[in-house]
Amino acid sequence: MSVRRVMPDIRSEAMEESRDFYGLMGFETVMNLGWVMTLASPSNPTAQVTFMSHDKSAPVVPDMSVEVDDVDAVHAVMREQGAEIVHPLQDEEWGVRRFFVRDPNGRVVNVLSHRSTTRG
């Protein structure tokens, strides 16, 4: 298993203001589905931050996202170790396969893999 990127997920009711604020630091919008927006550094595309007003298919907004090369393998390990799965492993219509797990600090982590080479 390998980690491809890690990014904070910030619950926000100020999506446009957040985009504008982080834009002052050089971030650019790389995905915007209305309820979720990801900004990235043009010079380092894995340096990202995501803002969410809610999660379209999950009961909570995660605290962070971790993109891995094999989400099924990570899910299996988490289940074997008895970790609390907050949102089940599933394919999402926006091109990712993901699940949510609670870490020892109570934080919810969105673990995902992209189903295609398209990012967003």
N, C-alpha and C. Protein backbone atom coordinates (compact mmCIF):
# COMPACT_ATOMS: atom_id res chain seq x y z
N MET A 1 0.84 -1.19 0.00
CA MET A 1 0.00 0.00 0.00
C MET A 1 0.88 1.24 0.00
N SER A 2 0.46 2.23 -0.76
CA SER A 2 1.20 3.49 -0.72
C SER A 2 0.24 4.67 -0.68
N VAL A 3 0.65 5.71 0.03
CA VAL A 3 -0.13 6.94 0.16
C VAL A 3 0.24 7.86 -0.98
N ARG A 4 -0.74 8.39 -1.67
CA ARG A 4 -0.50 9.29 -2.80
C ARG A 4 -0.57 10.75 -2.39
N ARG A 5 -1.48 11.09 -1.47
CA ARG A 5 -1.59 12.46 -0.97
C ARG A 5 -2.45 12.47 0.28
N VAL A 6 -2.28 13.51 1.06
CA VAL A 6 -3.09 13.73 2.25
C VAL A 6 -3.53 15.18 2.21
N MET A 7 -4.82 15.43 2.51
CA MET A 7 -5.28 16.81 2.51
C MET A 7 -6.32 17.03 3.60
N PRO A 8 -6.32 18.23 4.18
CA PRO A 8 -7.34 18.55 5.16
C PRO A 8 -8.68 18.77 4.47
N ASP A 9 -9.75 18.37 5.15
CA ASP A 9 -11.12 18.64 4.72
C ASP A 9 -11.71 19.60 5.73
N ILE A 10 -12.16 20.74 5.26
CA ILE A 10 -12.67 21.78 6.15
C ILE A 10 -14.16 21.99 5.89
N ARG A 11 -14.96 21.80 6.94
CA ARG A 11 -16.40 22.07 6.82
C ARG A 11 -16.55 23.58 6.66
N SER A 12 -17.33 24.00 5.65
CA SER A 12 -17.43 25.43 5.36
C SER A 12 -18.81 25.80 4.84
N GLU A 13 -19.29 26.92 5.31
CA GLU A 13 -20.48 27.55 4.75
C GLU A 13 -20.06 28.79 3.97
N ALA A 14 -18.74 28.97 3.79
CA ALA A 14 -18.19 30.13 3.09
C ALA A 14 -17.28 29.66 1.96
N MET A 15 -17.84 28.91 1.03
CA MET A 15 -17.05 28.30 -0.05
C MET A 15 -16.33 29.36 -0.91
N GLU A 16 -17.07 30.33 -1.41
CA GLU A 16 -16.46 31.35 -2.28
C GLU A 16 -15.41 32.16 -1.54
N GLU A 17 -15.72 32.53 -0.31
CA GLU A 17 -14.77 33.30 0.50
C GLU A 17 -13.50 32.48 0.77
N SER A 18 -13.68 31.19 1.02
CA SER A 18 -12.51 30.32 1.23
C SER A 18 -11.67 30.22 -0.02
N ARG A 19 -12.33 30.04 -1.17
CA ARG A 19 -11.61 29.99 -2.45
C ARG A 19 -10.79 31.27 -2.65
N ASP A 20 -11.43 32.40 -2.42
CA ASP A 20 -10.74 33.68 -2.61
C ASP A 20 -9.59 33.85 -1.62
N PHE A 21 -9.79 33.49 -0.36
CA PHE A 21 -8.75 33.63 0.65
C PHE A 21 -7.53 32.77 0.30
N TYR A 22 -7.75 31.47 0.03
CA TYR A 22 -6.64 30.58 -0.28
C TYR A 22 -6.04 30.89 -1.65
N GLY A 23 -6.81 31.52 -2.51
CA GLY A 23 -6.29 31.98 -3.79
C GLY A 23 -5.20 33.03 -3.61
N LEU A 24 -5.29 33.80 -2.53
CA LEU A 24 -4.26 34.80 -2.23
C LEU A 24 -2.91 34.14 -1.96
N MET A 25 -2.92 32.85 -1.58
CA MET A 25 -1.68 32.11 -1.33
C MET A 25 -1.22 31.34 -2.56
N GLY A 26 -2.00 31.40 -3.63
CA GLY A 26 -1.62 30.72 -4.86
C GLY A 26 -2.42 29.48 -5.19
N PHE A 27 -3.36 29.08 -4.33
CA PHE A 27 -4.18 27.91 -4.62
C PHE A 27 -5.17 28.21 -5.74
N GLU A 28 -5.45 27.19 -6.56
CA GLU A 28 -6.42 27.31 -7.64
C GLU A 28 -7.45 26.20 -7.52
N THR A 29 -8.67 26.47 -7.96
CA THR A 29 -9.73 25.47 -7.91
C THR A 29 -9.44 24.36 -8.92
N VAL A 30 -9.41 23.12 -8.45
CA VAL A 30 -9.21 21.97 -9.34
C VAL A 30 -10.46 21.10 -9.41
N MET A 31 -11.40 21.28 -8.47
CA MET A 31 -12.67 20.58 -8.51
C MET A 31 -13.69 21.40 -7.73
N ASN A 32 -14.90 21.50 -8.27
CA ASN A 32 -15.97 22.18 -7.56
C ASN A 32 -17.29 21.53 -7.95
N LEU A 33 -17.87 20.77 -7.02
CA LEU A 33 -19.15 20.11 -7.26
C LEU A 33 -20.28 20.84 -6.53
N GLY A 34 -20.01 22.04 -6.06
CA GLY A 34 -21.02 22.80 -5.33
C GLY A 34 -20.95 22.55 -3.84
N TRP A 35 -21.10 21.32 -3.41
CA TRP A 35 -21.04 20.96 -1.99
C TRP A 35 -19.62 20.64 -1.54
N VAL A 36 -18.71 20.39 -2.49
CA VAL A 36 -17.31 20.11 -2.18
C VAL A 36 -16.44 20.81 -3.21
N MET A 37 -15.37 21.42 -2.73
CA MET A 37 -14.45 22.15 -3.61
C MET A 37 -13.02 21.87 -3.17
N THR A 38 -12.16 21.51 -4.12
CA THR A 38 -10.76 21.26 -3.82
C THR A 38 -9.91 22.31 -4.51
N LEU A 39 -8.97 22.86 -3.75
CA LEU A 39 -8.00 23.82 -4.26
C LEU A 39 -6.64 23.16 -4.21
N ALA A 40 -5.79 23.48 -5.19
CA ALA A 40 -4.45 22.89 -5.25
C ALA A 40 -3.44 23.94 -5.66
N SER A 41 -2.20 23.66 -5.32
CA SER A 41 -1.08 24.49 -5.75
C SER A 41 -0.74 24.13 -7.18
N PRO A 42 -0.66 25.10 -8.09
CA PRO A 42 -0.29 24.80 -9.47
C PRO A 42 1.13 24.23 -9.59
N SER A 43 2.02 24.62 -8.69
CA SER A 43 3.40 24.16 -8.77
C SER A 43 3.61 22.82 -8.05
N ASN A 44 2.67 22.43 -7.19
CA ASN A 44 2.75 21.16 -6.46
C ASN A 44 1.32 20.63 -6.32
N PRO A 45 0.80 19.97 -7.36
CA PRO A 45 -0.62 19.59 -7.40
C PRO A 45 -1.10 18.68 -6.27
N THR A 46 -0.20 18.04 -5.54
CA THR A 46 -0.65 17.22 -4.41
C THR A 46 -0.82 18.05 -3.14
N ALA A 47 -0.40 19.31 -3.15
CA ALA A 47 -0.64 20.22 -2.02
C ALA A 47 -2.05 20.77 -2.21
N GLN A 48 -2.99 20.22 -1.43
CA GLN A 48 -4.40 20.53 -1.64
C GLN A 48 -5.12 20.78 -0.31
N VAL A 49 -6.26 21.45 -0.41
CA VAL A 49 -7.17 21.63 0.69
C VAL A 49 -8.59 21.52 0.12
N THR A 50 -9.47 20.86 0.86
CA THR A 50 -10.84 20.67 0.41
C THR A 50 -11.80 21.33 1.39
N PHE A 51 -12.84 21.95 0.84
CA PHE A 51 -13.89 22.58 1.62
C PHE A 51 -15.20 21.87 1.30
N MET A 52 -16.01 21.59 2.33
CA MET A 52 -17.28 20.89 2.14
C MET A 52 -18.36 21.56 2.97
N SER A 53 -19.51 21.79 2.35
CA SER A 53 -20.66 22.26 3.11
C SER A 53 -21.36 21.09 3.78
N HIS A 54 -21.27 19.92 3.16
CA HIS A 54 -21.81 18.66 3.66
C HIS A 54 -21.17 17.56 2.82
N ASP A 55 -21.45 16.31 3.11
CA ASP A 55 -20.98 15.22 2.25
C ASP A 55 -22.19 14.63 1.56
N LYS A 56 -22.12 14.49 0.26
CA LYS A 56 -23.27 14.06 -0.53
C LYS A 56 -23.79 12.68 -0.16
N SER A 57 -22.90 11.74 0.19
CA SER A 57 -23.37 10.38 0.43
C SER A 57 -23.02 9.82 1.81
N ALA A 58 -22.34 10.60 2.64
CA ALA A 58 -21.92 10.11 3.95
C ALA A 58 -22.60 10.92 5.05
N PRO A 59 -22.68 10.34 6.25
CA PRO A 59 -23.38 11.02 7.35
C PRO A 59 -22.61 12.16 8.00
N VAL A 60 -21.30 12.26 7.74
CA VAL A 60 -20.47 13.31 8.35
C VAL A 60 -19.50 13.87 7.33
N VAL A 61 -18.99 15.05 7.62
CA VAL A 61 -17.90 15.63 6.83
C VAL A 61 -16.60 15.13 7.45
N PRO A 62 -15.72 14.52 6.65
CA PRO A 62 -14.47 14.03 7.22
C PRO A 62 -13.54 15.17 7.61
N ASP A 63 -12.58 14.85 8.47
CA ASP A 63 -11.59 15.83 8.91
C ASP A 63 -10.40 15.90 7.97
N MET A 64 -10.11 14.78 7.30
CA MET A 64 -9.02 14.75 6.34
C MET A 64 -9.25 13.63 5.35
N SER A 65 -8.59 13.72 4.21
CA SER A 65 -8.66 12.68 3.19
C SER A 65 -7.26 12.14 2.95
N VAL A 66 -7.19 10.83 2.74
CA VAL A 66 -5.93 10.17 2.41
C VAL A 66 -6.17 9.36 1.16
N GLU A 67 -5.49 9.73 0.07
CA GLU A 67 -5.59 8.97 -1.17
C GLU A 67 -4.52 7.89 -1.15
N VAL A 68 -4.95 6.66 -1.37
CA VAL A 68 -4.05 5.51 -1.37
C VAL A 68 -4.14 4.80 -2.72
N ASP A 69 -3.16 3.95 -3.00
CA ASP A 69 -3.19 3.24 -4.28
C ASP A 69 -4.16 2.07 -4.28
N ASP A 70 -4.54 1.53 -3.10
CA ASP A 70 -5.43 0.37 -3.02
C ASP A 70 -6.37 0.52 -1.82
N VAL A 71 -7.48 1.19 -2.03
CA VAL A 71 -8.42 1.45 -0.95
C VAL A 71 -9.02 0.16 -0.39
N ASP A 72 -9.20 -0.85 -1.23
CA ASP A 72 -9.75 -2.11 -0.74
C ASP A 72 -8.81 -2.78 0.27
N ALA A 73 -7.52 -2.72 0.01
CA ALA A 73 -6.54 -3.31 0.92
C ALA A 73 -6.52 -2.57 2.25
N VAL A 74 -6.58 -1.24 2.21
CA VAL A 74 -6.59 -0.46 3.45
C VAL A 74 -7.87 -0.75 4.24
N HIS A 75 -8.99 -0.83 3.54
CA HIS A 75 -10.26 -1.14 4.19
C HIS A 75 -10.18 -2.50 4.90
N ALA A 76 -9.62 -3.50 4.22
CA ALA A 76 -9.49 -4.83 4.80
C ALA A 76 -8.64 -4.80 6.07
N VAL A 77 -7.52 -4.08 6.04
CA VAL A 77 -6.64 -3.97 7.21
C VAL A 77 -7.36 -3.28 8.36
N MET A 78 -8.07 -2.19 8.06
CA MET A 78 -8.79 -1.46 9.11
C MET A 78 -9.85 -2.35 9.75
N ARG A 79 -10.58 -3.10 8.96
CA ARG A 79 -11.60 -4.01 9.50
C ARG A 79 -10.96 -5.10 10.35
N GLU A 80 -9.85 -5.67 9.86
CA GLU A 80 -9.16 -6.72 10.62
C GLU A 80 -8.70 -6.22 11.98
N GLN A 81 -8.29 -4.95 12.04
CA GLN A 81 -7.80 -4.36 13.28
C GLN A 81 -8.91 -3.83 14.17
N GLY A 82 -10.16 -3.92 13.70
CA GLY A 82 -11.29 -3.50 14.51
C GLY A 82 -11.55 -2.01 14.52
N ALA A 83 -11.03 -1.28 13.54
CA ALA A 83 -11.26 0.16 13.46
C ALA A 83 -12.74 0.44 13.19
N GLU A 84 -13.22 1.57 13.67
CA GLU A 84 -14.61 1.96 13.46
C GLU A 84 -14.79 2.50 12.05
N ILE A 85 -15.53 1.79 11.24
CA ILE A 85 -15.85 2.25 9.88
C ILE A 85 -17.08 3.14 10.00
N VAL A 86 -16.94 4.41 9.65
CA VAL A 86 -18.00 5.40 9.81
C VAL A 86 -18.89 5.45 8.57
N HIS A 87 -18.32 5.18 7.42
CA HIS A 87 -19.05 5.19 6.14
C HIS A 87 -18.51 4.01 5.34
N PRO A 88 -19.38 3.16 4.80
CA PRO A 88 -18.92 1.92 4.16
C PRO A 88 -18.14 2.15 2.88
N LEU A 89 -17.34 1.16 2.52
CA LEU A 89 -16.58 1.18 1.27
C LEU A 89 -17.57 1.17 0.10
N GLN A 90 -17.43 2.15 -0.78
CA GLN A 90 -18.32 2.22 -1.94
C GLN A 90 -17.74 3.08 -3.04
N ASP A 91 -18.24 2.83 -4.25
CA ASP A 91 -17.89 3.65 -5.41
C ASP A 91 -18.81 4.86 -5.43
N GLU A 92 -18.21 6.04 -5.66
CA GLU A 92 -18.99 7.27 -5.72
C GLU A 92 -19.09 7.74 -7.17
N GLU A 93 -20.17 8.45 -7.48
CA GLU A 93 -20.42 8.88 -8.86
C GLU A 93 -19.39 9.88 -9.37
N TRP A 94 -18.61 10.50 -8.47
CA TRP A 94 -17.61 11.48 -8.91
C TRP A 94 -16.23 10.84 -9.13
N GLY A 95 -16.18 9.51 -9.21
CA GLY A 95 -14.97 8.84 -9.69
C GLY A 95 -14.02 8.31 -8.64
N VAL A 96 -14.47 8.22 -7.39
CA VAL A 96 -13.60 7.66 -6.35
C VAL A 96 -14.27 6.44 -5.72
N ARG A 97 -13.44 5.59 -5.12
CA ARG A 97 -13.90 4.50 -4.27
C ARG A 97 -13.38 4.86 -2.89
N ARG A 98 -14.25 4.86 -1.87
CA ARG A 98 -13.83 5.38 -0.58
C ARG A 98 -14.60 4.76 0.57
N PHE A 99 -14.04 4.98 1.77
CA PHE A 99 -14.71 4.69 3.03
C PHE A 99 -14.20 5.67 4.05
N PHE A 100 -14.94 5.83 5.15
CA PHE A 100 -14.53 6.70 6.24
C PHE A 100 -14.21 5.81 7.44
N VAL A 101 -13.15 6.16 8.16
CA VAL A 101 -12.76 5.44 9.36
C VAL A 101 -12.43 6.46 10.45
N ARG A 102 -12.73 6.12 11.71
CA ARG A 102 -12.42 7.02 12.82
C ARG A 102 -11.04 6.68 13.38
N ASP A 103 -10.19 7.69 13.53
CA ASP A 103 -8.84 7.45 14.07
C ASP A 103 -8.87 7.46 15.60
N PRO A 104 -7.76 7.13 16.28
CA PRO A 104 -7.75 7.07 17.74
C PRO A 104 -8.05 8.40 18.43
N ASN A 105 -7.98 9.52 17.68
CA ASN A 105 -8.27 10.84 18.24
C ASN A 105 -9.72 11.25 18.02
N GLY A 106 -10.49 10.37 17.40
CA GLY A 106 -11.89 10.68 17.13
C GLY A 106 -12.11 11.38 15.80
N ARG A 107 -11.05 11.61 15.06
CA ARG A 107 -11.15 12.28 13.76
C ARG A 107 -11.61 11.29 12.68
N VAL A 108 -12.43 11.78 11.76
CA VAL A 108 -12.92 10.94 10.67
C VAL A 108 -12.02 11.14 9.45
N VAL A 109 -11.50 10.02 8.94
CA VAL A 109 -10.59 10.04 7.80
C VAL A 109 -11.29 9.41 6.59
N ASN A 110 -11.31 10.15 5.50
CA ASN A 110 -11.84 9.68 4.22
C ASN A 110 -10.69 9.01 3.49
N VAL A 111 -10.74 7.69 3.34
CA VAL A 111 -9.69 6.95 2.65
C VAL A 111 -10.22 6.63 1.26
N LEU A 112 -9.45 6.99 0.21
CA LEU A 112 -9.98 6.88 -1.14
C LEU A 112 -8.93 6.49 -2.16
N SER A 113 -9.42 5.98 -3.25
CA SER A 113 -8.62 5.77 -4.47
C SER A 113 -9.45 6.29 -5.63
N HIS A 114 -8.79 6.89 -6.60
CA HIS A 114 -9.48 7.31 -7.82
C HIS A 114 -9.69 6.09 -8.70
N ARG A 115 -10.86 6.01 -9.32
CA ARG A 115 -11.17 4.89 -10.17
C ARG A 115 -10.61 5.06 -11.57
N SER A 116 -10.17 6.27 -11.91
CA SER A 116 -9.55 6.51 -13.21
C SER A 116 -8.35 7.42 -13.00
N THR A 117 -7.66 7.75 -14.07
CA THR A 117 -6.51 8.64 -13.96
C THR A 117 -6.91 10.09 -13.83
N THR A 118 -8.19 10.39 -14.01
CA THR A 118 -8.68 11.78 -13.89
C THR A 118 -8.74 12.16 -12.43
N ARG A 119 -8.17 13.30 -12.09
CA ARG A 119 -8.20 13.82 -10.73
C ARG A 119 -9.35 14.82 -10.61
N GLY A 120 -9.84 14.96 -9.38
CA GLY A 120 -10.83 15.97 -9.18
C GLY A 120 -11.71 15.73 -8.04
